[in-house]
């Protein structure tokens, strides 16, 4: 279910591990969502690069291929990243609980 929610994140937007967990009815399960996303980096149909921590930090970046790092993928979508921190995080944050119907 985590992957199905991640697939819905629009290009140029990001969400957090906790927001996905909360949407799925497991508030406080950010770490579990993080583990699921770590396994998704080789799945071409899951935009794992769009899922970051609650502060907009690229905490999962070390799970990405060195030839196509997380920051590069985000920047290709127009998202500005400085020192592993997404800029304008609040403006581009995608909350599945408000964007999707339950």
C-alpha atoms as a PDB file:
ATOM      1  CA  UNK A   1       0.000   0.000   0.000  1.00  0.00           C
ATOM      2  CA  UNK A   2       2.953   2.321   0.667  1.00  0.00           C
ATOM      3  CA  UNK A   3       4.065   1.992  -2.958  1.00  0.00           C
ATOM      4  CA  UNK A   4       0.581   2.671  -4.275  1.00  0.00           C
ATOM      5  CA  UNK A   5       0.448   5.971  -2.347  1.00  0.00           C
ATOM      6  CA  UNK A   6       3.969   6.908  -3.458  1.00  0.00           C
ATOM      7  CA  UNK A   7       2.997   6.365  -7.093  1.00  0.00           C
ATOM      8  CA  UNK A   8       0.369   9.096  -6.689  1.00  0.00           C
ATOM      9  CA  UNK A   9       2.812  11.832  -5.629  1.00  0.00           C
ATOM     10  CA  UNK A  10       2.767  14.379  -8.458  1.00  0.00           C
ATOM     11  CA  UNK A  11       5.949  15.323 -10.273  1.00  0.00           C
ATOM     12  CA  UNK A  12       7.506  18.389  -8.640  1.00  0.00           C
ATOM     13  CA  UNK A  13       5.982  17.622  -5.226  1.00  0.00           C
ATOM     14  CA  UNK A  14       7.240  15.685  -2.193  1.00  0.00           C
ATOM     15  CA  UNK A  15       5.765  14.009   0.860  1.00  0.00           C
ATOM     16  CA  UNK A  16       7.114  12.493   4.052  1.00  0.00           C
ATOM     17  CA  UNK A  17       7.328   8.978   5.398  1.00  0.00           C
ATOM     18  CA  UNK A  18       5.020   9.982   8.237  1.00  0.00           C
ATOM     19  CA  UNK A  19       2.411  11.507   5.936  1.00  0.00           C
ATOM     20  CA  UNK A  20       2.154   8.244   4.010  1.00  0.00           C
ATOM     21  CA  UNK A  21       1.895   6.250   7.241  1.00  0.00           C
ATOM     22  CA  UNK A  22      -0.756   8.585   8.585  1.00  0.00           C
ATOM     23  CA  UNK A  23      -2.784   8.306   5.385  1.00  0.00           C
ATOM     24  CA  UNK A  24      -2.645   4.520   5.613  1.00  0.00           C
ATOM     25  CA  UNK A  25      -3.992   4.646   9.170  1.00  0.00           C
ATOM     26  CA  UNK A  26      -0.726   3.924  10.920  1.00  0.00           C
ATOM     27  CA  UNK A  27       0.188   7.230  12.531  1.00  0.00           C
ATOM     28  CA  UNK A  28       3.673   6.981  13.986  1.00  0.00           C
ATOM     29  CA  UNK A  29       4.832   4.436  11.423  1.00  0.00           C
ATOM     30  CA  UNK A  30       7.258   6.675   9.530  1.00  0.00           C
ATOM     31  CA  UNK A  31      10.106   4.258  10.122  1.00  0.00           C
ATOM     32  CA  UNK A  32       8.119   1.357   8.652  1.00  0.00           C
ATOM     33  CA  UNK A  33       7.294   3.461   5.576  1.00  0.00           C
ATOM     34  CA  UNK A  34      10.987   4.340   5.355  1.00  0.00           C
ATOM     35  CA  UNK A  35      11.947   0.668   5.250  1.00  0.00           C
ATOM     36  CA  UNK A  36       9.411   0.064   2.490  1.00  0.00           C
ATOM     37  CA  UNK A  37      10.731   3.017   0.498  1.00  0.00           C
ATOM     38  CA  UNK A  38      14.330   1.830   0.917  1.00  0.00           C
ATOM     39  CA  UNK A  39      13.348  -1.334  -0.916  1.00  0.00           C
ATOM     40  CA  UNK A  40      11.655   0.667  -3.692  1.00  0.00           C
ATOM     41  CA  UNK A  41      14.660   2.461  -5.135  1.00  0.00           C
ATOM     42  CA  UNK A  42      15.074  -0.134  -7.881  1.00  0.00           C
ATOM     43  CA  UNK A  43      11.379  -0.075  -8.785  1.00  0.00           C
ATOM     44  CA  UNK A  44      11.080   2.242 -11.756  1.00  0.00           C
ATOM     45  CA  UNK A  45       7.361   2.856 -11.229  1.00  0.00           C
ATOM     46  CA  UNK A  46       7.746   4.016  -7.590  1.00  0.00           C
ATOM     47  CA  UNK A  47       9.045   7.617  -7.269  1.00  0.00           C
ATOM     48  CA  UNK A  48      10.934   6.968  -4.020  1.00  0.00           C
ATOM     49  CA  UNK A  49      12.927  10.172  -4.524  1.00  0.00           C
ATOM     50  CA  UNK A  50       9.765  12.162  -3.724  1.00  0.00           C
ATOM     51  CA  UNK A  51       9.562  10.811  -0.161  1.00  0.00           C
ATOM     52  CA  UNK A  52      11.678  12.605   2.442  1.00  0.00           C
ATOM     53  CA  UNK A  53      11.679  13.079   6.183  1.00  0.00           C
ATOM     54  CA  UNK A  54       9.277  15.411   8.002  1.00  0.00           C
ATOM     55  CA  UNK A  55      11.743  18.304   7.790  1.00  0.00           C
ATOM     56  CA  UNK A  56      12.387  17.970   4.073  1.00  0.00           C
ATOM     57  CA  UNK A  57      15.778  16.306   4.467  1.00  0.00           C
ATOM     58  CA  UNK A  58      16.997  13.702   1.984  1.00  0.00           C
ATOM     59  CA  UNK A  59      17.552  11.057   4.641  1.00  0.00           C
ATOM     60  CA  UNK A  60      17.132   8.173   2.174  1.00  0.00           C
ATOM     61  CA  UNK A  61      19.676   9.453  -0.333  1.00  0.00           C
ATOM     62  CA  UNK A  62      22.282   6.791   0.428  1.00  0.00           C
ATOM     63  CA  UNK A  63      19.904   4.105  -0.909  1.00  0.00           C
ATOM     64  CA  UNK A  64      19.982   5.549  -4.428  1.00  0.00           C
ATOM     65  CA  UNK A  65      22.236   4.526  -7.273  1.00  0.00           C
ATOM     66  CA  UNK A  66      25.306   6.752  -7.549  1.00  0.00           C
ATOM     67  CA  UNK A  67      24.544   7.250 -11.243  1.00  0.00           C
ATOM     68  CA  UNK A  68      21.084   8.706 -10.550  1.00  0.00           C
ATOM     69  CA  UNK A  69      21.107  10.183  -7.043  1.00  0.00           C
ATOM     70  CA  UNK A  70      18.027  11.384  -5.203  1.00  0.00           C
ATOM     71  CA  UNK A  71      18.963  15.068  -5.384  1.00  0.00           C
ATOM     72  CA  UNK A  72      19.459  14.908  -9.164  1.00  0.00           C
ATOM     73  CA  UNK A  73      16.051  13.296  -9.639  1.00  0.00           C
ATOM     74  CA  UNK A  74      14.361  15.963  -7.517  1.00  0.00           C
ATOM     75  CA  UNK A  75      16.172  18.802  -9.268  1.00  0.00           C
ATOM     76  CA  UNK A  76      15.147  17.375 -12.667  1.00  0.00           C
ATOM     77  CA  UNK A  77      11.552  17.930 -11.493  1.00  0.00           C
ATOM     78  CA  UNK A  78      12.254  21.548 -10.557  1.00  0.00           C
ATOM     79  CA  UNK A  79      12.715  20.978  -6.821  1.00  0.00           C
ATOM     80  CA  UNK A  80      15.544  22.988  -5.314  1.00  0.00           C
ATOM     81  CA  UNK A  81      17.783  21.139  -2.849  1.00  0.00           C
ATOM     82  CA  UNK A  82      20.542  22.824  -0.869  1.00  0.00           C
ATOM     83  CA  UNK A  83      22.729  20.793   1.505  1.00  0.00           C
ATOM     84  CA  UNK A  84      20.306  17.841   1.444  1.00  0.00           C
ATOM     85  CA  UNK A  85      17.394  20.124   2.399  1.00  0.00           C
ATOM     86  CA  UNK A  86      14.415  20.721   0.130  1.00  0.00           C
ATOM     87  CA  UNK A  87      13.786  24.422  -0.303  1.00  0.00           C
ATOM     88  CA  UNK A  88      10.214  25.747  -0.086  1.00  0.00           C
ATOM     89  CA  UNK A  89       9.262  22.443   1.530  1.00  0.00           C
ATOM     90  CA  UNK A  90       5.908  23.708   2.832  1.00  0.00           C
ATOM     91  CA  UNK A  91       4.914  25.000  -0.608  1.00  0.00           C
ATOM     92  CA  UNK A  92       5.614  21.745  -2.459  1.00  0.00           C
ATOM     93  CA  UNK A  93       4.591  19.321   0.289  1.00  0.00           C
ATOM     94  CA  UNK A  94       1.947  16.836  -0.856  1.00  0.00           C
ATOM     95  CA  UNK A  95      -0.219  15.498   1.975  1.00  0.00           C
ATOM     96  CA  UNK A  96      -2.141  12.402   0.903  1.00  0.00           C
ATOM     97  CA  UNK A  97      -4.721  12.900   3.667  1.00  0.00           C
ATOM     98  CA  UNK A  98      -5.836  16.165   2.064  1.00  0.00           C
ATOM     99  CA  UNK A  99      -5.004  15.413  -1.579  1.00  0.00           C
ATOM    100  CA  UNK A 100      -6.628  11.977  -1.800  1.00  0.00           C
ATOM    101  CA  UNK A 101     -10.002  10.681  -0.770  1.00  0.00           C
ATOM    102  CA  UNK A 102      -9.874   8.130   2.021  1.00  0.00           C
END
